[in-house]
């Protein structure tokens, strides 16, 4: 179960495939762990998988499936403007149905527009299930803003440190490197990362020199976790993030953590 694209190195853990139906089996675990068809239909095979809230299985009958797939059946389409981003449609609809992200209206998501820093942090805090009491916020985050609570939580936990002078610039477009920095800080503060990356994790990327100093270790940690850069030779850290791209990244976090 699960797939990886590109030329992966190292051992893959927590991923399994049916060696009987695929006709393949590798002892080095670079494809995941090979199992028999019968084993693939037993919950005990999938060590550390969350069958309480994320996965489901009919013991002895089916492979694991995501719970939201069943929940989504028969539901009306949430947003009407996702036809141009079929690769992001399911992540957007699943996260929206769980109140983890918002559209620009009740029926429009604007997938190709750049996501703002405030919108992304709102979704990130909700996706990771972060919570904290807080008494203050960034000076430029208005109390009536729908993301006021989530940004306050992120500030309290150290997920967001702002742009200086106690400001966060919530309406500015988010860059790829800042998206990854926010995510890595959140995963670290919530003790969800297995380890921290170093600058050497970025050596294979042709544009590593475009990564800001403050973002190096955060991006390296996500590369180490195989959350980004699995098959690419560039990561384009300075590019702005579209709302569709942000949803796909957040969906990875939702499924994995």
C-alpha atoms as a PDB file:
ATOM      1  CA  UNK A   1       0.000   0.000   0.000  1.00  0.00           C
ATOM      2  CA  UNK A   2       1.316   3.446  -0.841  1.00  0.00           C
ATOM      3  CA  UNK A   3       3.549   4.413  -3.727  1.00  0.00           C
ATOM      4  CA  UNK A   4       6.797   6.236  -4.270  1.00  0.00           C
ATOM      5  CA  UNK A   5       7.918   7.871  -7.488  1.00  0.00           C
ATOM      6  CA  UNK A   6      11.470   8.429  -8.637  1.00  0.00           C
ATOM      7  CA  UNK A   7      14.790   6.906  -7.676  1.00  0.00           C
ATOM      8  CA  UNK A   8      14.548   6.382  -3.939  1.00  0.00           C
ATOM      9  CA  UNK A   9      17.470   5.473  -1.743  1.00  0.00           C
ATOM     10  CA  UNK A  10      17.447   4.060   1.746  1.00  0.00           C
ATOM     11  CA  UNK A  11      14.883   1.856   3.421  1.00  0.00           C
ATOM     12  CA  UNK A  12      11.163   2.583   3.175  1.00  0.00           C
ATOM     13  CA  UNK A  13       9.202   1.784   6.320  1.00  0.00           C
ATOM     14  CA  UNK A  14       5.474   1.596   7.006  1.00  0.00           C
ATOM     15  CA  UNK A  15       4.684   0.815   3.341  1.00  0.00           C
ATOM     16  CA  UNK A  16       3.601  -2.590   2.038  1.00  0.00           C
ATOM     17  CA  UNK A  17       2.810  -4.268  -1.277  1.00  0.00           C
ATOM     18  CA  UNK A  18       1.370  -7.589  -2.441  1.00  0.00           C
ATOM     19  CA  UNK A  19       4.236  -9.731  -3.731  1.00  0.00           C
ATOM     20  CA  UNK A  20       1.847 -12.311  -5.198  1.00  0.00           C
ATOM     21  CA  UNK A  21      -0.197  -9.957  -7.379  1.00  0.00           C
ATOM     22  CA  UNK A  22       2.827  -7.851  -8.377  1.00  0.00           C
ATOM     23  CA  UNK A  23       5.139 -10.782  -8.933  1.00  0.00           C
ATOM     24  CA  UNK A  24       7.872  -8.775  -7.233  1.00  0.00           C
ATOM     25  CA  UNK A  25       9.786  -9.044  -4.003  1.00  0.00           C
ATOM     26  CA  UNK A  26      12.854  -7.118  -2.881  1.00  0.00           C
ATOM     27  CA  UNK A  27      14.716  -7.962   0.279  1.00  0.00           C
ATOM     28  CA  UNK A  28      16.206  -4.470   0.695  1.00  0.00           C
ATOM     29  CA  UNK A  29      12.810  -2.807   1.389  1.00  0.00           C
ATOM     30  CA  UNK A  30      13.419  -0.038  -1.148  1.00  0.00           C
ATOM     31  CA  UNK A  31       9.925  -0.762  -2.518  1.00  0.00           C
ATOM     32  CA  UNK A  32       8.340  -1.195   0.885  1.00  0.00           C
ATOM     33  CA  UNK A  33       7.762  -4.533   2.612  1.00  0.00           C
ATOM     34  CA  UNK A  34       6.516  -7.449   0.460  1.00  0.00           C
ATOM     35  CA  UNK A  35       3.592  -9.424   1.885  1.00  0.00           C
ATOM     36  CA  UNK A  36       1.359 -12.251   0.713  1.00  0.00           C
ATOM     37  CA  UNK A  37      -2.176 -11.508  -0.465  1.00  0.00           C
ATOM     38  CA  UNK A  38      -3.546 -12.986   2.755  1.00  0.00           C
ATOM     39  CA  UNK A  39      -1.234 -10.854   4.895  1.00  0.00           C
ATOM     40  CA  UNK A  40      -2.265  -7.718   2.981  1.00  0.00           C
ATOM     41  CA  UNK A  41      -5.840  -8.309   4.182  1.00  0.00           C
ATOM     42  CA  UNK A  42      -4.975  -8.527   7.877  1.00  0.00           C
ATOM     43  CA  UNK A  43      -4.867  -5.414  10.064  1.00  0.00           C
ATOM     44  CA  UNK A  44      -1.996  -6.816  12.112  1.00  0.00           C
ATOM     45  CA  UNK A  45       0.277  -6.528   9.063  1.00  0.00           C
ATOM     46  CA  UNK A  46       0.129  -2.730   9.037  1.00  0.00           C
ATOM     47  CA  UNK A  47       2.181  -1.826  12.058  1.00  0.00           C
ATOM     48  CA  UNK A  48       1.521   1.669  13.464  1.00  0.00           C
ATOM     49  CA  UNK A  49      -1.235   2.454  10.945  1.00  0.00           C
ATOM     50  CA  UNK A  50      -4.164   4.354  12.466  1.00  0.00           C
ATOM     51  CA  UNK A  51      -7.278   2.231  11.940  1.00  0.00           C
ATOM     52  CA  UNK A  52      -9.251   4.273  14.464  1.00  0.00           C
ATOM     53  CA  UNK A  53      -9.496   7.501  12.485  1.00  0.00           C
ATOM     54  CA  UNK A  54      -7.733   7.163   9.097  1.00  0.00           C
ATOM     55  CA  UNK A  55      -7.739   3.610   7.710  1.00  0.00           C
ATOM     56  CA  UNK A  56     -10.324   0.825   7.549  1.00  0.00           C
ATOM     57  CA  UNK A  57     -10.102  -2.838   6.574  1.00  0.00           C
ATOM     58  CA  UNK A  58     -12.454  -5.791   6.263  1.00  0.00           C
ATOM     59  CA  UNK A  59     -10.409  -8.445   7.981  1.00  0.00           C
ATOM     60  CA  UNK A  60      -9.486 -11.231   5.578  1.00  0.00           C
ATOM     61  CA  UNK A  61     -11.406  -9.662   2.678  1.00  0.00           C
ATOM     62  CA  UNK A  62      -9.954  -6.336   1.558  1.00  0.00           C
ATOM     63  CA  UNK A  63      -6.806  -4.279   1.514  1.00  0.00           C
ATOM     64  CA  UNK A  64      -6.786  -1.205   3.781  1.00  0.00           C
ATOM     65  CA  UNK A  65      -8.663   1.821   2.448  1.00  0.00           C
ATOM     66  CA  UNK A  66      -8.948   5.393   3.641  1.00  0.00           C
ATOM     67  CA  UNK A  67     -12.041   6.070   5.729  1.00  0.00           C
ATOM     68  CA  UNK A  68     -12.780   9.321   3.912  1.00  0.00           C
ATOM     69  CA  UNK A  69     -13.233   7.429   0.623  1.00  0.00           C
ATOM     70  CA  UNK A  70     -16.370   5.836   2.019  1.00  0.00           C
ATOM     71  CA  UNK A  71     -17.469   9.052   3.695  1.00  0.00           C
ATOM     72  CA  UNK A  72     -17.167  10.935   0.417  1.00  0.00           C
ATOM     73  CA  UNK A  73     -19.405   8.602  -1.558  1.00  0.00           C
ATOM     74  CA  UNK A  74     -22.719  10.190  -2.405  1.00  0.00           C
ATOM     75  CA  UNK A  75     -21.746  13.627  -1.125  1.00  0.00           C
ATOM     76  CA  UNK A  76     -22.419  16.634  -3.301  1.00  0.00           C
ATOM     77  CA  UNK A  77     -19.471  18.410  -4.878  1.00  0.00           C
ATOM     78  CA  UNK A  78     -18.107  21.032  -2.479  1.00  0.00           C
ATOM     79  CA  UNK A  79     -16.438  23.371  -4.973  1.00  0.00           C
ATOM     80  CA  UNK A  80     -17.371  23.882  -8.616  1.00  0.00           C
ATOM     81  CA  UNK A  81     -14.049  25.237  -9.926  1.00  0.00           C
ATOM     82  CA  UNK A  82     -11.761  22.217  -9.559  1.00  0.00           C
ATOM     83  CA  UNK A  83     -12.033  20.871 -13.099  1.00  0.00           C
ATOM     84  CA  UNK A  84      -8.630  22.229 -14.083  1.00  0.00           C
ATOM     85  CA  UNK A  85      -6.826  20.577 -11.152  1.00  0.00           C
ATOM     86  CA  UNK A  86      -7.981  16.942 -11.093  1.00  0.00           C
ATOM     87  CA  UNK A  87      -4.788  16.004  -9.237  1.00  0.00           C
ATOM     88  CA  UNK A  88      -5.846  18.217  -6.318  1.00  0.00           C
ATOM     89  CA  UNK A  89      -9.609  17.667  -6.300  1.00  0.00           C
ATOM     90  CA  UNK A  90      -9.766  14.905  -3.685  1.00  0.00           C
ATOM     91  CA  UNK A  91      -7.297  16.534  -1.259  1.00  0.00           C
ATOM     92  CA  UNK A  92      -9.200  19.829  -1.476  1.00  0.00           C
ATOM     93  CA  UNK A  93     -12.605  18.239  -0.964  1.00  0.00           C
ATOM     94  CA  UNK A  94     -11.503  15.961   1.869  1.00  0.00           C
ATOM     95  CA  UNK A  95      -9.777  18.721   3.828  1.00  0.00           C
ATOM     96  CA  UNK A  96     -12.655  21.131   3.225  1.00  0.00           C
ATOM     97  CA  UNK A  97     -15.188  18.541   4.407  1.00  0.00           C
ATOM     98  CA  UNK A  98     -13.222  18.266   7.659  1.00  0.00           C
ATOM     99  CA  UNK A  99     -13.037  22.068   8.116  1.00  0.00           C
ATOM    100  CA  UNK A 100      -9.291  22.068   7.579  1.00  0.00           C
ATOM    101  CA  UNK A 101      -9.346  24.571   4.727  1.00  0.00           C
ATOM    102  CA  UNK A 102     -11.676  27.174   3.313  1.00  0.00           C
ATOM    103  CA  UNK A 103     -12.690  28.279  -0.159  1.00  0.00           C
ATOM    104  CA  UNK A 104     -12.921  31.900  -1.236  1.00  0.00           C
ATOM    105  CA  UNK A 105     -16.722  31.454  -1.338  1.00  0.00           C
ATOM    106  CA  UNK A 106     -19.077  28.641  -0.483  1.00  0.00           C
ATOM    107  CA  UNK A 107     -18.696  27.119  -3.946  1.00  0.00           C
ATOM    108  CA  UNK A 108     -15.320  28.402  -5.181  1.00  0.00           C
ATOM    109  CA  UNK A 109     -11.843  27.367  -4.071  1.00  0.00           C
ATOM    110  CA  UNK A 110      -9.745  29.338  -6.615  1.00  0.00           C
ATOM    111  CA  UNK A 111      -7.153  26.536  -6.900  1.00  0.00           C
ATOM    112  CA  UNK A 112      -4.764  28.417  -9.164  1.00  0.00           C
ATOM    113  CA  UNK A 113      -4.537  31.560  -7.050  1.00  0.00           C
ATOM    114  CA  UNK A 114      -1.626  31.934  -4.647  1.00  0.00           C
ATOM    115  CA  UNK A 115      -2.435  30.984  -1.088  1.00  0.00           C
ATOM    116  CA  UNK A 116      -1.815  33.600   1.585  1.00  0.00           C
ATOM    117  CA  UNK A 117       0.278  33.062   4.678  1.00  0.00           C
ATOM    118  CA  UNK A 118      -2.785  33.433   6.886  1.00  0.00           C
ATOM    119  CA  UNK A 119      -4.889  30.952   4.933  1.00  0.00           C
ATOM    120  CA  UNK A 120      -2.137  28.341   4.933  1.00  0.00           C
ATOM    121  CA  UNK A 121      -1.360  28.628   8.629  1.00  0.00           C
ATOM    122  CA  UNK A 122      -5.065  28.315   9.445  1.00  0.00           C
ATOM    123  CA  UNK A 123      -5.168  25.041   7.516  1.00  0.00           C
ATOM    124  CA  UNK A 124      -1.854  23.766   8.850  1.00  0.00           C
ATOM    125  CA  UNK A 125      -2.847  24.199  12.497  1.00  0.00           C
ATOM    126  CA  UNK A 126      -6.129  22.396  11.891  1.00  0.00           C
ATOM    127  CA  UNK A 127      -4.551  19.633   9.814  1.00  0.00           C
ATOM    128  CA  UNK A 128      -1.983  18.856  12.513  1.00  0.00           C
ATOM    129  CA  UNK A 129      -4.550  19.135  15.299  1.00  0.00           C
ATOM    130  CA  UNK A 130      -2.416  21.715  17.133  1.00  0.00           C
ATOM    131  CA  UNK A 131      -3.939  23.342  20.203  1.00  0.00           C
ATOM    132  CA  UNK A 132      -2.779  25.777  22.866  1.00  0.00           C
ATOM    133  CA  UNK A 133      -4.061  28.563  25.065  1.00  0.00           C
ATOM    134  CA  UNK A 134      -2.719  31.973  24.096  1.00  0.00           C
ATOM    135  CA  UNK A 135      -3.127  35.527  25.337  1.00  0.00           C
ATOM    136  CA  UNK A 136      -1.576  37.518  22.482  1.00  0.00           C
ATOM    137  CA  UNK A 137      -1.157  37.457  18.733  1.00  0.00           C
ATOM    138  CA  UNK A 138       0.795  39.138  15.965  1.00  0.00           C
ATOM    139  CA  UNK A 139       0.042  42.841  15.716  1.00  0.00           C
ATOM    140  CA  UNK A 140      -1.205  42.603  12.122  1.00  0.00           C
ATOM    141  CA  UNK A 141      -3.592  39.688  12.717  1.00  0.00           C
ATOM    142  CA  UNK A 142      -7.006  41.176  13.357  1.00  0.00           C
ATOM    143  CA  UNK A 143      -9.102  39.640  16.087  1.00  0.00           C
ATOM    144  CA  UNK A 144     -12.112  39.343  13.772  1.00  0.00           C
ATOM    145  CA  UNK A 145     -10.127  37.405  11.134  1.00  0.00           C
ATOM    146  CA  UNK A 146     -11.277  33.813  10.752  1.00  0.00           C
ATOM    147  CA  UNK A 147      -7.709  32.588  11.242  1.00  0.00           C
ATOM    148  CA  UNK A 148      -7.054  34.647  14.414  1.00  0.00           C
ATOM    149  CA  UNK A 149      -7.280  31.623  16.727  1.00  0.00           C
ATOM    150  CA  UNK A 150      -5.140  29.336  14.568  1.00  0.00           C
ATOM    151  CA  UNK A 151      -2.379  31.900  14.094  1.00  0.00           C
ATOM    152  CA  UNK A 152      -2.445  32.627  17.832  1.00  0.00           C
ATOM    153  CA  UNK A 153      -1.982  28.922  18.523  1.00  0.00           C
ATOM    154  CA  UNK A 154       0.889  28.721  16.026  1.00  0.00           C
ATOM    155  CA  UNK A 155       2.577  31.755  17.602  1.00  0.00           C
ATOM    156  CA  UNK A 156       2.227  30.331  21.096  1.00  0.00           C
ATOM    157  CA  UNK A 157       3.670  26.958  20.074  1.00  0.00           C
ATOM    158  CA  UNK A 158       6.554  28.458  18.123  1.00  0.00           C
ATOM    159  CA  UNK A 159       5.281  27.197  14.784  1.00  0.00           C
ATOM    160  CA  UNK A 160       5.205  30.786  13.476  1.00  0.00           C
ATOM    161  CA  UNK A 161       7.727  33.411  14.522  1.00  0.00           C
ATOM    162  CA  UNK A 162       6.579  36.123  12.135  1.00  0.00           C
ATOM    163  CA  UNK A 163       8.386  38.493   9.808  1.00  0.00           C
ATOM    164  CA  UNK A 164       9.739  40.847  12.481  1.00  0.00           C
ATOM    165  CA  UNK A 165       8.376  43.512  14.833  1.00  0.00           C
ATOM    166  CA  UNK A 166       5.649  41.111  15.995  1.00  0.00           C
ATOM    167  CA  UNK A 167       4.085  40.940  12.532  1.00  0.00           C
ATOM    168  CA  UNK A 168       3.100  37.925  10.423  1.00  0.00           C
ATOM    169  CA  UNK A 169       2.008  39.522   7.122  1.00  0.00           C
ATOM    170  CA  UNK A 170      -1.013  37.187   6.793  1.00  0.00           C
ATOM    171  CA  UNK A 171      -2.227  38.593   3.465  1.00  0.00           C
ATOM    172  CA  UNK A 172       1.076  38.086   1.632  1.00  0.00           C
ATOM    173  CA  UNK A 173       1.462  35.194  -0.807  1.00  0.00           C
ATOM    174  CA  UNK A 174       3.242  32.186   0.662  1.00  0.00           C
ATOM    175  CA  UNK A 175       6.506  30.869  -0.789  1.00  0.00           C
ATOM    176  CA  UNK A 176       7.323  27.197  -1.017  1.00  0.00           C
ATOM    177  CA  UNK A 177      10.170  27.496   1.470  1.00  0.00           C
ATOM    178  CA  UNK A 178       7.985  29.294   4.023  1.00  0.00           C
ATOM    179  CA  UNK A 179       5.266  26.655   3.626  1.00  0.00           C
ATOM    180  CA  UNK A 180       7.826  23.990   4.443  1.00  0.00           C
ATOM    181  CA  UNK A 181       9.321  25.969   7.334  1.00  0.00           C
ATOM    182  CA  UNK A 182       5.903  26.389   8.953  1.00  0.00           C
ATOM    183  CA  UNK A 183       5.136  22.701   8.467  1.00  0.00           C
ATOM    184  CA  UNK A 184       8.493  21.512   9.803  1.00  0.00           C
ATOM    185  CA  UNK A 185       8.233  23.731  12.871  1.00  0.00           C
ATOM    186  CA  UNK A 186       4.739  22.456  13.525  1.00  0.00           C
ATOM    187  CA  UNK A 187       5.746  18.813  13.169  1.00  0.00           C
ATOM    188  CA  UNK A 188       8.759  19.402  15.421  1.00  0.00           C
ATOM    189  CA  UNK A 189       6.807  21.208  18.140  1.00  0.00           C
ATOM    190  CA  UNK A 190       4.199  18.442  18.133  1.00  0.00           C
ATOM    191  CA  UNK A 191       6.938  15.787  18.223  1.00  0.00           C
ATOM    192  CA  UNK A 192       5.817  14.165  14.984  1.00  0.00           C
ATOM    193  CA  UNK A 193       9.177  14.196  13.168  1.00  0.00           C
ATOM    194  CA  UNK A 194      11.429  11.198  13.701  1.00  0.00           C
ATOM    195  CA  UNK A 195      14.586  13.268  13.298  1.00  0.00           C
ATOM    196  CA  UNK A 196      16.035  16.518  12.022  1.00  0.00           C
ATOM    197  CA  UNK A 197      17.645  17.011   8.634  1.00  0.00           C
ATOM    198  CA  UNK A 198      20.878  18.841   7.843  1.00  0.00           C
ATOM    199  CA  UNK A 199      22.148  20.873   4.907  1.00  0.00           C
ATOM    200  CA  UNK A 200      23.594  17.710   3.356  1.00  0.00           C
ATOM    201  CA  UNK A 201      20.037  16.481   2.675  1.00  0.00           C
ATOM    202  CA  UNK A 202      19.739  19.255   0.089  1.00  0.00           C
ATOM    203  CA  UNK A 203      22.937  18.460  -1.812  1.00  0.00           C
ATOM    204  CA  UNK A 204      21.163  16.717  -4.705  1.00  0.00           C
ATOM    205  CA  UNK A 205      19.010  19.726  -5.568  1.00  0.00           C
ATOM    206  CA  UNK A 206      20.371  21.978  -8.299  1.00  0.00           C
ATOM    207  CA  UNK A 207      18.787  25.074  -6.728  1.00  0.00           C
ATOM    208  CA  UNK A 208      19.787  24.449  -3.110  1.00  0.00           C
ATOM    209  CA  UNK A 209      21.617  27.781  -3.048  1.00  0.00           C
ATOM    210  CA  UNK A 210      18.255  29.549  -3.440  1.00  0.00           C
ATOM    211  CA  UNK A 211      17.104  28.270  -0.050  1.00  0.00           C
ATOM    212  CA  UNK A 212      17.272  30.984   2.613  1.00  0.00           C
ATOM    213  CA  UNK A 213      19.522  30.247   5.594  1.00  0.00           C
ATOM    214  CA  UNK A 214      16.580  30.189   8.016  1.00  0.00           C
ATOM    215  CA  UNK A 215      14.838  27.526   5.914  1.00  0.00           C
ATOM    216  CA  UNK A 216      17.685  25.065   5.329  1.00  0.00           C
ATOM    217  CA  UNK A 217      17.201  22.755   8.310  1.00  0.00           C
ATOM    218  CA  UNK A 218      13.412  22.785   8.062  1.00  0.00           C
ATOM    219  CA  UNK A 219      13.402  21.859   4.384  1.00  0.00           C
ATOM    220  CA  UNK A 220      16.123  19.279   4.984  1.00  0.00           C
ATOM    221  CA  UNK A 221      13.956  17.647   7.652  1.00  0.00           C
ATOM    222  CA  UNK A 222      11.013  17.308   5.257  1.00  0.00           C
ATOM    223  CA  UNK A 223      13.302  15.908   2.539  1.00  0.00           C
ATOM    224  CA  UNK A 224      14.599  13.412   5.082  1.00  0.00           C
ATOM    225  CA  UNK A 225      10.998  12.446   5.872  1.00  0.00           C
ATOM    226  CA  UNK A 226      10.317  12.052   2.113  1.00  0.00           C
ATOM    227  CA  UNK A 227       7.548  14.644   2.310  1.00  0.00           C
ATOM    228  CA  UNK A 228       9.153  16.668  -0.479  1.00  0.00           C
ATOM    229  CA  UNK A 229      11.773  16.170  -3.176  1.00  0.00           C
ATOM    230  CA  UNK A 230      11.268  12.418  -3.584  1.00  0.00           C
ATOM    231  CA  UNK A 231      12.060  12.415  -7.310  1.00  0.00           C
ATOM    232  CA  UNK A 232      12.769  16.042  -8.242  1.00  0.00           C
ATOM    233  CA  UNK A 233      16.207  17.578  -8.783  1.00  0.00           C
ATOM    234  CA  UNK A 234      14.899  21.100  -8.042  1.00  0.00           C
ATOM    235  CA  UNK A 235      12.646  22.378  -5.243  1.00  0.00           C
ATOM    236  CA  UNK A 236      12.040  25.980  -6.390  1.00  0.00           C
ATOM    237  CA  UNK A 237      12.036  27.397  -2.840  1.00  0.00           C
ATOM    238  CA  UNK A 238      11.257  30.991  -3.838  1.00  0.00           C
ATOM    239  CA  UNK A 239       8.183  30.170  -5.956  1.00  0.00           C
ATOM    240  CA  UNK A 240       4.752  31.156  -4.697  1.00  0.00           C
ATOM    241  CA  UNK A 241       2.392  28.328  -3.707  1.00  0.00           C
ATOM    242  CA  UNK A 242      -1.007  27.912  -5.345  1.00  0.00           C
ATOM    243  CA  UNK A 243      -4.017  27.004  -3.269  1.00  0.00           C
ATOM    244  CA  UNK A 244      -4.182  23.630  -5.038  1.00  0.00           C
ATOM    245  CA  UNK A 245      -0.518  22.879  -4.307  1.00  0.00           C
ATOM    246  CA  UNK A 246      -0.976  23.825  -0.663  1.00  0.00           C
ATOM    247  CA  UNK A 247      -3.946  21.475  -0.335  1.00  0.00           C
ATOM    248  CA  UNK A 248      -2.010  18.534  -1.784  1.00  0.00           C
ATOM    249  CA  UNK A 249       0.872  19.136   0.633  1.00  0.00           C
ATOM    250  CA  UNK A 250      -1.491  19.489   3.598  1.00  0.00           C
ATOM    251  CA  UNK A 251      -3.235  16.294   2.566  1.00  0.00           C
ATOM    252  CA  UNK A 252       0.082  14.448   2.797  1.00  0.00           C
ATOM    253  CA  UNK A 253       0.424  15.685   6.369  1.00  0.00           C
ATOM    254  CA  UNK A 254      -3.157  14.701   7.163  1.00  0.00           C
ATOM    255  CA  UNK A 255      -2.713  11.156   5.883  1.00  0.00           C
ATOM    256  CA  UNK A 256       0.715  10.604   7.399  1.00  0.00           C
ATOM    257  CA  UNK A 257       0.412  12.238  10.800  1.00  0.00           C
END
